[in-house]
Each structure stands twice: as structure tokens, then as C-alpha cells.
Amino acid sequence: YRLDERPPLEAQLIDVADEIAYNCADLDDGYEAKLLTLVQIRKKVPLFARFLRPVERKFPQAPEKLRFNEALKGLMDTLVTDLITATRKRLEKAEVRTLAEARAAPRRLVALSPRLSGENQELKVFLQQNLYAHREVRAERQRIVRCVEQLFEFFIENPRRLPPFYVTKTREEPTYRVVCDYIAGMTDNYLAVQHRKYVGP
């Protein structure tokens, strides 16, 4: 958390690798959930379309899902390869050899090339506008937020209903903090089970 310095190279790499993985997974999830169509993705994400065109030429009879998967693999491979290549060039040019030098660099050294960075940004904007802001996704998000709020309120009013470990923690920390920690550690399914158990369907 040295705000006036760059993160270590490993942290920089994690940031970009996570972004690539999440964007590709979200594109796949949106398509699988039928919130995004192949026509829509092709039209609004030129980077994806670049990989889809040769797949469609080579496999015109293949099911749409398989063509989508092949294009998505090409997209992910290109982003990862570009990240490796662009980062290597940047590190060689900067002649970074130590952690201190990486932290003192004027900008992050692990990044996509400017061209791919711009195209990746187009993908992020597309996902924001067409998937994350989709009315069905918004409705689901609102439902989940209500579940979290209701479960939080239930445990604040009934802290003895928490699991024993958390009940003990309420003697050491404020109850709201303990309840937050407990809920934050829940998976989506466990949250749903606990909400049904204590609040109702």
C-alpha cells in the first residue's frame, strides 16, 4: 500500500491477468445465459470479431457455441501473449533488475501493448453496458443485496443465532463487524440457504 510507488511486478501481473480472465469468463457467462448474443458481440467487440471471422469461414457448419468458444480461446490467447510480449519489452527497455527499481518506475511495467489495451478497453465498456447493466442482472443484484441486508439485520437483532465461533467473537469485537465478516465469507448458495433458514423465501 505504498501509494506513491508502483506495486511489485507480481501484483501488477495479478491485476492484468485477473482482468483478462474475468473479462473472458464474463463474456462466456453472458453468452451462456443468453444475455448477450453472438451477433451483438461480433458487432460491438471488434477484437472478438477478428477471431470469429476465420472460425466461421473454416467451420461454417459447426454449432454456434463451438464457434463462439474457438473465438473466445483466440481472444484470450492473444491478450495473454500480448501481455507477455509487451511486458518483456517494457522490462528490457527500463532495465529493471530489483524490486526497488520496479517500485520506482514512472508507470506500471506489466501491461498490454497500447493497441491491445485500447481494444481490451472496448471489451470492458461492452461488458459494462450490455452485461453488468443488463436489466436481468440488475434485478438479480438487487435481490441479492436485499438478502444480504435482511440477513445482516437478522443477525444484528439475534447475534446468538450466529455459529459458535462468531458468537464468541461478538465478545471481542462489535457485533456489526462480526456479522459483516460472517456474511462476507458466505458463498452465494450458502447465503441463499441461510436467508431461507432465518428470514424466509
N, C-alpha and C. Protein backbone atom coordinates (compact mmCIF):
# COMPACT_ATOMS: atom_id res chain seq x y z
N TYR A 1 0.81 -1.20 0.00
CA TYR A 1 0.00 0.00 0.00
C TYR A 1 0.85 1.25 0.00
N ARG A 2 1.94 1.21 -0.74
CA ARG A 2 2.77 2.41 -0.88
C ARG A 2 2.20 3.21 -2.05
N LEU A 3 1.36 4.15 -1.74
CA LEU A 3 0.57 4.82 -2.77
C LEU A 3 1.41 5.68 -3.70
N ASP A 4 2.61 6.05 -3.27
CA ASP A 4 3.47 6.86 -4.12
C ASP A 4 4.44 6.01 -4.95
N GLU A 5 4.29 4.69 -4.89
CA GLU A 5 5.15 3.78 -5.64
C GLU A 5 4.30 2.80 -6.46
N ARG A 6 4.96 2.10 -7.38
CA ARG A 6 4.30 1.06 -8.16
C ARG A 6 4.25 -0.22 -7.31
N PRO A 7 3.26 -1.07 -7.56
CA PRO A 7 3.24 -2.37 -6.88
C PRO A 7 4.37 -3.27 -7.39
N PRO A 8 4.73 -4.31 -6.66
CA PRO A 8 5.71 -5.28 -7.17
C PRO A 8 5.21 -5.88 -8.48
N LEU A 9 6.11 -6.42 -9.27
CA LEU A 9 5.74 -6.96 -10.58
C LEU A 9 4.69 -8.06 -10.46
N GLU A 10 4.81 -8.90 -9.42
CA GLU A 10 3.84 -9.99 -9.25
C GLU A 10 2.43 -9.43 -9.07
N ALA A 11 2.31 -8.36 -8.28
CA ALA A 11 0.99 -7.76 -8.05
C ALA A 11 0.46 -7.12 -9.33
N GLN A 12 1.35 -6.48 -10.08
CA GLN A 12 0.94 -5.89 -11.36
C GLN A 12 0.42 -6.99 -12.30
N LEU A 13 1.14 -8.12 -12.32
CA LEU A 13 0.75 -9.22 -13.19
C LEU A 13 -0.61 -9.79 -12.78
N ILE A 14 -0.82 -9.94 -11.48
CA ILE A 14 -2.10 -10.46 -10.99
C ILE A 14 -3.24 -9.56 -11.43
N ASP A 15 -3.05 -8.24 -11.34
CA ASP A 15 -4.10 -7.30 -11.74
C ASP A 15 -4.53 -7.52 -13.19
N VAL A 16 -3.54 -7.57 -14.09
CA VAL A 16 -3.88 -7.68 -15.52
C VAL A 16 -4.38 -9.08 -15.85
N ALA A 17 -3.75 -10.11 -15.29
CA ALA A 17 -4.19 -11.48 -15.56
C ALA A 17 -5.62 -11.70 -15.08
N ASP A 18 -5.94 -11.16 -13.90
CA ASP A 18 -7.32 -11.26 -13.39
C ASP A 18 -8.30 -10.57 -14.33
N GLU A 19 -7.91 -9.40 -14.80
CA GLU A 19 -8.80 -8.65 -15.70
C GLU A 19 -9.07 -9.44 -16.97
N ILE A 20 -8.03 -10.01 -17.55
CA ILE A 20 -8.20 -10.81 -18.77
C ILE A 20 -9.12 -12.01 -18.49
N ALA A 21 -8.84 -12.71 -17.40
CA ALA A 21 -9.62 -13.90 -17.06
C ALA A 21 -11.09 -13.54 -16.80
N TYR A 22 -11.32 -12.49 -16.02
CA TYR A 22 -12.69 -12.09 -15.70
C TYR A 22 -13.44 -11.62 -16.93
N ASN A 23 -12.80 -10.81 -17.77
CA ASN A 23 -13.49 -10.31 -18.96
C ASN A 23 -13.89 -11.47 -19.88
N CYS A 24 -12.98 -12.41 -20.09
CA CYS A 24 -13.29 -13.55 -20.96
C CYS A 24 -14.36 -14.44 -20.34
N ALA A 25 -14.26 -14.67 -19.03
CA ALA A 25 -15.26 -15.51 -18.35
C ALA A 25 -16.63 -14.83 -18.36
N ASP A 26 -16.64 -13.52 -18.16
CA ASP A 26 -17.92 -12.80 -18.16
C ASP A 26 -18.56 -12.79 -19.54
N LEU A 27 -17.72 -12.67 -20.56
CA LEU A 27 -18.24 -12.74 -21.94
C LEU A 27 -18.89 -14.10 -22.16
N ASP A 28 -18.21 -15.15 -21.72
CA ASP A 28 -18.73 -16.51 -21.85
C ASP A 28 -20.01 -16.68 -21.03
N ASP A 29 -20.01 -16.20 -19.79
CA ASP A 29 -21.20 -16.32 -18.93
C ASP A 29 -22.39 -15.58 -19.52
N GLY A 30 -22.12 -14.37 -20.03
CA GLY A 30 -23.20 -13.58 -20.63
C GLY A 30 -23.80 -14.27 -21.84
N TYR A 31 -22.93 -14.89 -22.64
CA TYR A 31 -23.41 -15.62 -23.82
C TYR A 31 -24.19 -16.87 -23.39
N GLU A 32 -23.63 -17.62 -22.44
CA GLU A 32 -24.30 -18.85 -21.95
C GLU A 32 -25.67 -18.54 -21.35
N ALA A 33 -25.77 -17.41 -20.65
CA ALA A 33 -27.03 -17.04 -20.00
C ALA A 33 -28.01 -16.40 -20.98
N LYS A 34 -27.58 -16.27 -22.24
CA LYS A 34 -28.41 -15.67 -23.28
C LYS A 34 -28.73 -14.20 -23.00
N LEU A 35 -27.85 -13.55 -22.26
CA LEU A 35 -27.97 -12.11 -22.04
C LEU A 35 -27.22 -11.35 -23.13
N LEU A 36 -26.27 -12.04 -23.77
CA LEU A 36 -25.52 -11.50 -24.90
C LEU A 36 -25.69 -12.45 -26.07
N THR A 37 -25.77 -11.90 -27.28
CA THR A 37 -25.86 -12.75 -28.47
C THR A 37 -24.55 -12.68 -29.24
N LEU A 38 -24.32 -13.68 -30.06
CA LEU A 38 -23.11 -13.70 -30.88
C LEU A 38 -23.11 -12.53 -31.85
N VAL A 39 -24.26 -12.21 -32.42
CA VAL A 39 -24.38 -11.08 -33.35
C VAL A 39 -23.99 -9.78 -32.64
N GLN A 40 -24.50 -9.61 -31.45
CA GLN A 40 -24.23 -8.41 -30.66
C GLN A 40 -22.74 -8.30 -30.31
N ILE A 41 -22.14 -9.42 -29.89
CA ILE A 41 -20.73 -9.41 -29.52
C ILE A 41 -19.87 -9.11 -30.74
N ARG A 42 -20.17 -9.77 -31.85
CA ARG A 42 -19.42 -9.57 -33.09
C ARG A 42 -19.45 -8.09 -33.51
N LYS A 43 -20.63 -7.49 -33.40
CA LYS A 43 -20.81 -6.11 -33.85
C LYS A 43 -20.11 -5.09 -32.96
N LYS A 44 -20.13 -5.34 -31.64
CA LYS A 44 -19.65 -4.31 -30.70
C LYS A 44 -18.26 -4.57 -30.14
N VAL A 45 -17.71 -5.77 -30.38
CA VAL A 45 -16.37 -6.07 -29.86
C VAL A 45 -15.49 -6.48 -31.05
N PRO A 46 -14.87 -5.51 -31.73
CA PRO A 46 -14.06 -5.82 -32.92
C PRO A 46 -12.96 -6.84 -32.65
N LEU A 47 -12.38 -6.81 -31.45
CA LEU A 47 -11.33 -7.76 -31.12
C LEU A 47 -11.85 -9.19 -31.18
N PHE A 48 -13.05 -9.42 -30.64
CA PHE A 48 -13.66 -10.74 -30.69
C PHE A 48 -14.00 -11.12 -32.13
N ALA A 49 -14.55 -10.16 -32.88
CA ALA A 49 -14.96 -10.41 -34.27
C ALA A 49 -13.77 -10.85 -35.12
N ARG A 50 -12.59 -10.31 -34.81
CA ARG A 50 -11.39 -10.67 -35.56
C ARG A 50 -11.08 -12.17 -35.45
N PHE A 51 -11.43 -12.78 -34.35
CA PHE A 51 -11.18 -14.23 -34.17
C PHE A 51 -12.36 -15.06 -34.64
N LEU A 52 -13.54 -14.47 -34.60
CA LEU A 52 -14.73 -15.21 -35.01
C LEU A 52 -14.77 -15.41 -36.53
N ARG A 53 -14.38 -14.40 -37.30
CA ARG A 53 -14.47 -14.49 -38.77
C ARG A 53 -13.74 -15.71 -39.32
N PRO A 54 -12.46 -15.93 -38.99
CA PRO A 54 -11.79 -17.11 -39.56
C PRO A 54 -12.39 -18.43 -39.07
N VAL A 55 -12.89 -18.46 -37.84
CA VAL A 55 -13.53 -19.68 -37.31
C VAL A 55 -14.79 -19.97 -38.13
N GLU A 56 -15.57 -18.96 -38.43
CA GLU A 56 -16.80 -19.17 -39.21
C GLU A 56 -16.49 -19.60 -40.64
N ARG A 57 -15.41 -19.06 -41.19
CA ARG A 57 -15.02 -19.49 -42.55
C ARG A 57 -14.57 -20.95 -42.55
N LYS A 58 -13.79 -21.31 -41.54
CA LYS A 58 -13.23 -22.67 -41.50
C LYS A 58 -14.26 -23.71 -41.08
N PHE A 59 -15.18 -23.34 -40.19
CA PHE A 59 -16.17 -24.29 -39.66
C PHE A 59 -17.59 -23.74 -39.80
N PRO A 60 -18.06 -23.52 -41.02
CA PRO A 60 -19.38 -22.90 -41.20
C PRO A 60 -20.53 -23.75 -40.67
N GLN A 61 -20.34 -25.06 -40.61
CA GLN A 61 -21.43 -25.94 -40.15
C GLN A 61 -21.37 -26.24 -38.66
N ALA A 62 -20.33 -25.78 -38.00
CA ALA A 62 -20.19 -26.07 -36.57
C ALA A 62 -21.28 -25.35 -35.77
N PRO A 63 -21.71 -25.95 -34.67
CA PRO A 63 -22.70 -25.27 -33.81
C PRO A 63 -22.17 -23.90 -33.36
N GLU A 64 -23.07 -22.96 -33.19
CA GLU A 64 -22.68 -21.59 -32.83
C GLU A 64 -21.84 -21.56 -31.55
N LYS A 65 -22.21 -22.35 -30.55
CA LYS A 65 -21.48 -22.36 -29.27
C LYS A 65 -20.02 -22.76 -29.48
N LEU A 66 -19.77 -23.73 -30.35
CA LEU A 66 -18.39 -24.15 -30.59
C LEU A 66 -17.61 -23.05 -31.32
N ARG A 67 -18.27 -22.36 -32.25
CA ARG A 67 -17.60 -21.24 -32.94
C ARG A 67 -17.30 -20.12 -31.94
N PHE A 68 -18.25 -19.87 -31.06
CA PHE A 68 -18.03 -18.87 -30.00
C PHE A 68 -16.83 -19.25 -29.15
N ASN A 69 -16.79 -20.52 -28.72
CA ASN A 69 -15.69 -20.99 -27.86
C ASN A 69 -14.33 -20.83 -28.54
N GLU A 70 -14.26 -21.18 -29.81
CA GLU A 70 -12.99 -21.06 -30.54
C GLU A 70 -12.54 -19.60 -30.63
N ALA A 71 -13.47 -18.71 -30.91
CA ALA A 71 -13.14 -17.29 -30.99
C ALA A 71 -12.70 -16.77 -29.62
N LEU A 72 -13.37 -17.21 -28.58
CA LEU A 72 -13.02 -16.78 -27.22
C LEU A 72 -11.62 -17.27 -26.85
N LYS A 73 -11.29 -18.51 -27.23
CA LYS A 73 -9.93 -19.02 -26.97
C LYS A 73 -8.89 -18.16 -27.69
N GLY A 74 -9.18 -17.78 -28.94
CA GLY A 74 -8.27 -16.93 -29.68
C GLY A 74 -8.10 -15.57 -29.02
N LEU A 75 -9.20 -15.02 -28.53
CA LEU A 75 -9.17 -13.73 -27.84
C LEU A 75 -8.30 -13.81 -26.59
N MET A 76 -8.52 -14.83 -25.77
CA MET A 76 -7.76 -14.97 -24.54
C MET A 76 -6.27 -15.20 -24.83
N ASP A 77 -5.98 -16.06 -25.79
CA ASP A 77 -4.60 -16.35 -26.15
C ASP A 77 -3.88 -15.09 -26.61
N THR A 78 -4.56 -14.28 -27.42
CA THR A 78 -3.95 -13.05 -27.93
C THR A 78 -3.69 -12.05 -26.82
N LEU A 79 -4.62 -11.90 -25.90
CA LEU A 79 -4.42 -10.98 -24.79
C LEU A 79 -3.26 -11.43 -23.90
N VAL A 80 -3.21 -12.72 -23.60
CA VAL A 80 -2.15 -13.24 -22.74
C VAL A 80 -0.79 -13.12 -23.43
N THR A 81 -0.73 -13.50 -24.70
CA THR A 81 0.52 -13.41 -25.45
C THR A 81 1.00 -11.97 -25.54
N ASP A 82 0.07 -11.05 -25.81
CA ASP A 82 0.43 -9.64 -25.89
C ASP A 82 0.94 -9.15 -24.54
N LEU A 83 0.30 -9.56 -23.46
CA LEU A 83 0.75 -9.15 -22.12
C LEU A 83 2.18 -9.58 -21.88
N ILE A 84 2.49 -10.82 -22.22
CA ILE A 84 3.85 -11.34 -22.03
C ILE A 84 4.85 -10.56 -22.87
N THR A 85 4.54 -10.40 -24.16
CA THR A 85 5.45 -9.74 -25.09
C THR A 85 5.66 -8.28 -24.73
N ALA A 86 4.57 -7.56 -24.49
CA ALA A 86 4.68 -6.13 -24.18
C ALA A 86 5.40 -5.90 -22.86
N THR A 87 5.13 -6.75 -21.88
CA THR A 87 5.79 -6.61 -20.58
C THR A 87 7.28 -6.89 -20.70
N ARG A 88 7.63 -7.93 -21.43
CA ARG A 88 9.05 -8.25 -21.62
C ARG A 88 9.79 -7.05 -22.25
N LYS A 89 9.20 -6.48 -23.29
CA LYS A 89 9.84 -5.32 -23.94
C LYS A 89 9.98 -4.15 -22.98
N ARG A 90 8.94 -3.89 -22.21
CA ARG A 90 8.96 -2.78 -21.27
C ARG A 90 10.03 -2.99 -20.20
N LEU A 91 10.15 -4.23 -19.70
CA LEU A 91 11.15 -4.53 -18.67
C LEU A 91 12.57 -4.40 -19.23
N GLU A 92 12.77 -4.87 -20.46
CA GLU A 92 14.09 -4.76 -21.07
C GLU A 92 14.47 -3.30 -21.29
N LYS A 93 13.52 -2.52 -21.75
CA LYS A 93 13.79 -1.09 -22.00
C LYS A 93 14.08 -0.35 -20.71
N ALA A 94 13.33 -0.67 -19.65
CA ALA A 94 13.51 0.01 -18.36
C ALA A 94 14.73 -0.51 -17.60
N GLU A 95 15.24 -1.68 -18.02
CA GLU A 95 16.39 -2.32 -17.36
C GLU A 95 16.17 -2.50 -15.86
N VAL A 96 14.97 -2.94 -15.52
CA VAL A 96 14.62 -3.17 -14.12
C VAL A 96 15.22 -4.50 -13.67
N ARG A 97 15.94 -4.47 -12.56
CA ARG A 97 16.57 -5.68 -12.03
C ARG A 97 16.16 -5.98 -10.59
N THR A 98 15.61 -4.98 -9.89
CA THR A 98 15.30 -5.18 -8.47
C THR A 98 13.87 -4.73 -8.18
N LEU A 99 13.38 -5.16 -7.01
CA LEU A 99 12.06 -4.74 -6.55
C LEU A 99 12.01 -3.23 -6.39
N ALA A 100 13.06 -2.65 -5.84
CA ALA A 100 13.10 -1.20 -5.63
C ALA A 100 12.98 -0.46 -6.97
N GLU A 101 13.65 -0.97 -7.99
CA GLU A 101 13.56 -0.33 -9.31
C GLU A 101 12.15 -0.46 -9.89
N ALA A 102 11.54 -1.61 -9.69
CA ALA A 102 10.16 -1.80 -10.17
C ALA A 102 9.21 -0.84 -9.46
N ARG A 103 9.39 -0.69 -8.15
CA ARG A 103 8.53 0.21 -7.38
C ARG A 103 8.74 1.67 -7.77
N ALA A 104 9.97 2.01 -8.18
CA ALA A 104 10.29 3.40 -8.51
C ALA A 104 9.97 3.76 -9.97
N ALA A 105 9.56 2.80 -10.77
CA ALA A 105 9.28 3.07 -12.18
C ALA A 105 8.21 4.15 -12.31
N PRO A 106 8.29 4.97 -13.35
CA PRO A 106 7.31 6.06 -13.51
C PRO A 106 5.89 5.57 -13.81
N ARG A 107 5.77 4.35 -14.32
CA ARG A 107 4.44 3.77 -14.58
C ARG A 107 4.53 2.27 -14.41
N ARG A 108 3.40 1.61 -14.42
CA ARG A 108 3.40 0.14 -14.28
C ARG A 108 4.12 -0.48 -15.48
N LEU A 109 4.87 -1.52 -15.20
CA LEU A 109 5.66 -2.18 -16.24
C LEU A 109 4.93 -3.39 -16.83
N VAL A 110 4.01 -3.96 -16.09
CA VAL A 110 3.24 -5.11 -16.57
C VAL A 110 1.92 -4.59 -17.14
N ALA A 111 1.81 -4.64 -18.46
CA ALA A 111 0.61 -4.13 -19.11
C ALA A 111 0.54 -4.63 -20.54
N LEU A 112 -0.65 -4.56 -21.10
CA LEU A 112 -0.83 -4.87 -22.52
C LEU A 112 -0.17 -3.78 -23.36
N SER A 113 0.06 -4.08 -24.63
CA SER A 113 0.56 -3.07 -25.56
C SER A 113 -0.52 -2.00 -25.72
N PRO A 114 -0.15 -0.79 -26.14
CA PRO A 114 -1.16 0.26 -26.30
C PRO A 114 -2.33 -0.15 -27.20
N ARG A 115 -2.05 -0.83 -28.31
CA ARG A 115 -3.12 -1.22 -29.23
C ARG A 115 -4.09 -2.20 -28.57
N LEU A 116 -3.54 -3.26 -27.97
CA LEU A 116 -4.41 -4.26 -27.33
C LEU A 116 -5.08 -3.69 -26.09
N SER A 117 -4.40 -2.78 -25.41
CA SER A 117 -5.01 -2.15 -24.24
C SER A 117 -6.27 -1.40 -24.65
N GLY A 118 -6.21 -0.69 -25.78
CA GLY A 118 -7.38 0.02 -26.28
C GLY A 118 -8.50 -0.93 -26.65
N GLU A 119 -8.16 -2.02 -27.32
CA GLU A 119 -9.19 -2.99 -27.72
C GLU A 119 -9.77 -3.71 -26.51
N ASN A 120 -8.93 -3.96 -25.51
CA ASN A 120 -9.41 -4.58 -24.28
C ASN A 120 -10.37 -3.62 -23.55
N GLN A 121 -10.06 -2.34 -23.62
CA GLN A 121 -10.95 -1.34 -23.01
C GLN A 121 -12.32 -1.36 -23.68
N GLU A 122 -12.36 -1.54 -25.00
CA GLU A 122 -13.64 -1.65 -25.72
C GLU A 122 -14.45 -2.84 -25.20
N LEU A 123 -13.75 -3.95 -24.93
CA LEU A 123 -14.42 -5.13 -24.39
C LEU A 123 -15.00 -4.82 -23.01
N LYS A 124 -14.24 -4.13 -22.17
CA LYS A 124 -14.72 -3.78 -20.83
C LYS A 124 -15.94 -2.87 -20.89
N VAL A 125 -15.91 -1.90 -21.78
CA VAL A 125 -17.06 -1.00 -21.94
C VAL A 125 -18.28 -1.78 -22.41
N PHE A 126 -18.07 -2.69 -23.37
CA PHE A 126 -19.16 -3.52 -23.87
C PHE A 126 -19.79 -4.33 -22.74
N LEU A 127 -18.95 -4.97 -21.92
CA LEU A 127 -19.47 -5.77 -20.81
C LEU A 127 -20.23 -4.90 -19.82
N GLN A 128 -19.71 -3.73 -19.52
CA GLN A 128 -20.37 -2.82 -18.58
C GLN A 128 -21.75 -2.43 -19.09
N GLN A 129 -21.81 -2.04 -20.35
CA GLN A 129 -23.06 -1.52 -20.91
C GLN A 129 -24.09 -2.61 -21.22
N ASN A 130 -23.60 -3.79 -21.61
CA ASN A 130 -24.52 -4.81 -22.11
C ASN A 130 -24.73 -6.00 -21.20
N LEU A 131 -23.82 -6.21 -20.24
CA LEU A 131 -23.97 -7.35 -19.33
C LEU A 131 -24.20 -6.87 -17.90
N TYR A 132 -23.25 -6.14 -17.33
CA TYR A 132 -23.37 -5.72 -15.93
C TYR A 132 -24.57 -4.80 -15.71
N ALA A 133 -24.93 -4.01 -16.74
CA ALA A 133 -26.07 -3.10 -16.61
C ALA A 133 -27.35 -3.71 -17.20
N HIS A 134 -27.29 -4.98 -17.61
CA HIS A 134 -28.47 -5.65 -18.18
C HIS A 134 -29.58 -5.68 -17.12
N ARG A 135 -30.83 -5.46 -17.54
CA ARG A 135 -31.93 -5.38 -16.58
C ARG A 135 -32.06 -6.65 -15.75
N GLU A 136 -31.82 -7.82 -16.34
CA GLU A 136 -31.94 -9.07 -15.57
C GLU A 136 -30.82 -9.18 -14.53
N VAL A 137 -29.64 -8.73 -14.90
CA VAL A 137 -28.52 -8.75 -13.96
C VAL A 137 -28.77 -7.76 -12.83
N ARG A 138 -29.27 -6.57 -13.19
CA ARG A 138 -29.59 -5.56 -12.17
C ARG A 138 -30.64 -6.08 -11.19
N ALA A 139 -31.65 -6.74 -11.73
CA ALA A 139 -32.72 -7.28 -10.87
C ALA A 139 -32.17 -8.34 -9.92
N GLU A 140 -31.29 -9.21 -10.44
CA GLU A 140 -30.68 -10.25 -9.60
C GLU A 140 -29.80 -9.61 -8.53
N ARG A 141 -29.03 -8.59 -8.92
CA ARG A 141 -28.16 -7.90 -7.96
C ARG A 141 -29.00 -7.27 -6.84
N GLN A 142 -30.12 -6.65 -7.21
CA GLN A 142 -30.98 -6.03 -6.20
C GLN A 142 -31.56 -7.08 -5.25
N ARG A 143 -31.91 -8.24 -5.81
CA ARG A 143 -32.45 -9.32 -4.97
C ARG A 143 -31.39 -9.80 -3.98
N ILE A 144 -30.16 -9.95 -4.45
CA ILE A 144 -29.07 -10.42 -3.58
C ILE A 144 -28.75 -9.38 -2.51
N VAL A 145 -28.75 -8.11 -2.89
CA VAL A 145 -28.50 -7.05 -1.91
C VAL A 145 -29.56 -7.09 -0.81
N ARG A 146 -30.82 -7.28 -1.21
CA ARG A 146 -31.90 -7.38 -0.20
C ARG A 146 -31.66 -8.56 0.73
N CYS A 147 -31.25 -9.70 0.17
CA CYS A 147 -30.97 -10.89 1.01
C CYS A 147 -29.87 -10.59 2.01
N VAL A 148 -28.80 -9.95 1.55
CA VAL A 148 -27.68 -9.62 2.45
C VAL A 148 -28.16 -8.66 3.54
N GLU A 149 -28.90 -7.64 3.15
CA GLU A 149 -29.41 -6.67 4.13
C GLU A 149 -30.29 -7.35 5.17
N GLN A 150 -31.20 -8.20 4.71
CA GLN A 150 -32.13 -8.85 5.64
C GLN A 150 -31.40 -9.81 6.57
N LEU A 151 -30.43 -10.55 6.03
CA LEU A 151 -29.67 -11.47 6.87
C LEU A 151 -28.83 -10.69 7.88
N PHE A 152 -28.24 -9.59 7.44
CA PHE A 152 -27.47 -8.73 8.35
C PHE A 152 -28.36 -8.25 9.49
N GLU A 153 -29.52 -7.73 9.16
CA GLU A 153 -30.43 -7.23 10.19
C GLU A 153 -30.85 -8.34 11.15
N PHE A 154 -31.10 -9.55 10.60
CA PHE A 154 -31.49 -10.67 11.46
C PHE A 154 -30.40 -10.97 12.48
N PHE A 155 -29.15 -11.07 12.04
CA PHE A 155 -28.06 -11.43 12.97
C PHE A 155 -27.72 -10.30 13.93
N ILE A 156 -27.93 -9.06 13.51
CA ILE A 156 -27.73 -7.94 14.44
C ILE A 156 -28.74 -8.03 15.58
N GLU A 157 -29.98 -8.37 15.24
CA GLU A 157 -31.03 -8.50 16.25
C GLU A 157 -30.95 -9.81 17.03
N ASN A 158 -30.32 -10.83 16.42
CA ASN A 158 -30.23 -12.16 17.04
C ASN A 158 -28.79 -12.70 16.98
N PRO A 159 -27.84 -12.04 17.60
CA PRO A 159 -26.44 -12.46 17.47
C PRO A 159 -26.17 -13.86 18.01
N ARG A 160 -27.00 -14.35 18.91
CA ARG A 160 -26.79 -15.70 19.45
C ARG A 160 -27.12 -16.78 18.41
N ARG A 161 -27.74 -16.41 17.30
CA ARG A 161 -28.04 -17.36 16.23
C ARG A 161 -26.85 -17.55 15.28
N LEU A 162 -25.82 -16.75 15.48
CA LEU A 162 -24.59 -16.94 14.70
C LEU A 162 -23.94 -18.26 15.08
N PRO A 163 -23.09 -18.82 14.21
CA PRO A 163 -22.33 -20.02 14.60
C PRO A 163 -21.48 -19.72 15.84
N PRO A 164 -21.19 -20.73 16.66
CA PRO A 164 -20.50 -20.52 17.95
C PRO A 164 -19.23 -19.67 17.85
N PHE A 165 -18.41 -19.92 16.84
CA PHE A 165 -17.17 -19.14 16.69
C PHE A 165 -17.47 -17.65 16.63
N TYR A 166 -18.50 -17.28 15.86
CA TYR A 166 -18.84 -15.87 15.68
C TYR A 166 -19.52 -15.29 16.92
N VAL A 167 -20.28 -16.12 17.64
CA VAL A 167 -20.87 -15.66 18.90
C VAL A 167 -19.75 -15.26 19.85
N THR A 168 -18.71 -16.08 19.94
CA THR A 168 -17.55 -15.77 20.79
C THR A 168 -16.89 -14.48 20.35
N LYS A 169 -16.77 -14.29 19.04
CA LYS A 169 -16.13 -13.07 18.51
C LYS A 169 -16.89 -11.80 18.89
N THR A 170 -18.23 -11.92 19.09
CA THR A 170 -19.00 -10.73 19.44
C THR A 170 -18.63 -10.19 20.82
N ARG A 171 -17.93 -10.98 21.62
CA ARG A 171 -17.47 -10.50 22.93
C ARG A 171 -16.18 -9.70 22.81
N GLU A 172 -15.52 -9.86 21.66
CA GLU A 172 -14.23 -9.19 21.44
C GLU A 172 -14.34 -8.00 20.48
N GLU A 173 -15.32 -8.06 19.57
CA GLU A 173 -15.47 -7.04 18.53
C GLU A 173 -16.92 -6.60 18.45
N PRO A 174 -17.18 -5.44 17.85
CA PRO A 174 -18.58 -5.01 17.68
C PRO A 174 -19.37 -6.04 16.87
N THR A 175 -20.61 -6.23 17.26
CA THR A 175 -21.45 -7.24 16.61
C THR A 175 -21.56 -6.98 15.11
N TYR A 176 -21.73 -5.72 14.71
CA TYR A 176 -21.89 -5.44 13.28
C TYR A 176 -20.66 -5.88 12.48
N ARG A 177 -19.47 -5.76 13.10
CA ARG A 177 -18.23 -6.17 12.42
C ARG A 177 -18.19 -7.69 12.26
N VAL A 178 -18.58 -8.41 13.30
CA VAL A 178 -18.59 -9.87 13.28
C VAL A 178 -19.61 -10.38 12.25
N VAL A 179 -20.79 -9.77 12.24
CA VAL A 179 -21.82 -10.17 11.28
C VAL A 179 -21.34 -9.90 9.86
N CYS A 180 -20.71 -8.74 9.64
CA CYS A 180 -20.15 -8.44 8.31
C CYS A 180 -19.15 -9.51 7.88
N ASP A 181 -18.26 -9.87 8.79
CA ASP A 181 -17.25 -10.89 8.45
C ASP A 181 -17.90 -12.23 8.12
N TYR A 182 -18.91 -12.60 8.90
CA TYR A 182 -19.59 -13.87 8.67
C TYR A 182 -20.27 -13.89 7.30
N ILE A 183 -21.00 -12.84 6.99
CA ILE A 183 -21.71 -12.80 5.71
C ILE A 183 -20.72 -12.70 4.55
N ALA A 184 -19.66 -11.93 4.72
CA ALA A 184 -18.67 -11.77 3.65
C ALA A 184 -18.02 -13.10 3.26
N GLY A 185 -17.97 -14.04 4.20
CA GLY A 185 -17.35 -15.34 3.91
C GLY A 185 -18.29 -16.35 3.28
N MET A 186 -19.54 -15.96 3.07
CA MET A 186 -20.53 -16.90 2.51
C MET A 186 -20.42 -17.01 1.00
N THR A 187 -20.62 -18.22 0.50
CA THR A 187 -20.80 -18.40 -0.95
C THR A 187 -22.23 -17.98 -1.29
N ASP A 188 -22.51 -17.83 -2.57
CA ASP A 188 -23.87 -17.46 -2.99
C ASP A 188 -24.89 -18.49 -2.50
N ASN A 189 -24.56 -19.76 -2.66
CA ASN A 189 -25.51 -20.82 -2.26
C ASN A 189 -25.74 -20.84 -0.76
N TYR A 190 -24.65 -20.66 0.00
CA TYR A 190 -24.78 -20.67 1.47
C TYR A 190 -25.60 -19.47 1.93
N LEU A 191 -25.39 -18.32 1.28
CA LEU A 191 -26.19 -17.13 1.59
C LEU A 191 -27.67 -17.42 1.38
N ALA A 192 -27.99 -18.06 0.26
CA ALA A 192 -29.40 -18.38 -0.04
C ALA A 192 -29.97 -19.33 1.01
N VAL A 193 -29.19 -20.34 1.41
CA VAL A 193 -29.65 -21.30 2.41
C VAL A 193 -29.89 -20.60 3.75
N GLN A 194 -28.95 -19.75 4.18
CA GLN A 194 -29.08 -19.06 5.46
C GLN A 194 -30.26 -18.07 5.43
N HIS A 195 -30.46 -17.43 4.29
CA HIS A 195 -31.56 -16.48 4.17
C HIS A 195 -32.90 -17.22 4.29
N ARG A 196 -33.02 -18.35 3.60
CA ARG A 196 -34.25 -19.14 3.70
C ARG A 196 -34.47 -19.62 5.14
N LYS A 197 -33.40 -20.03 5.79
CA LYS A 197 -33.50 -20.58 7.15
C LYS A 197 -33.94 -19.53 8.16
N TYR A 198 -33.38 -18.33 8.08
CA TYR A 198 -33.62 -17.34 9.11
C TYR A 198 -34.61 -16.22 8.73
N VAL A 199 -34.74 -15.94 7.45
CA VAL A 199 -35.59 -14.83 7.03
C VAL A 199 -36.82 -15.34 6.29
N GLY A 200 -36.65 -16.39 5.52
CA GLY A 200 -37.76 -16.94 4.74
C GLY A 200 -37.46 -16.85 3.25
N PRO A 201 -38.32 -17.43 2.43
CA PRO A 201 -38.06 -17.46 1.00
C PRO A 201 -38.12 -16.06 0.38
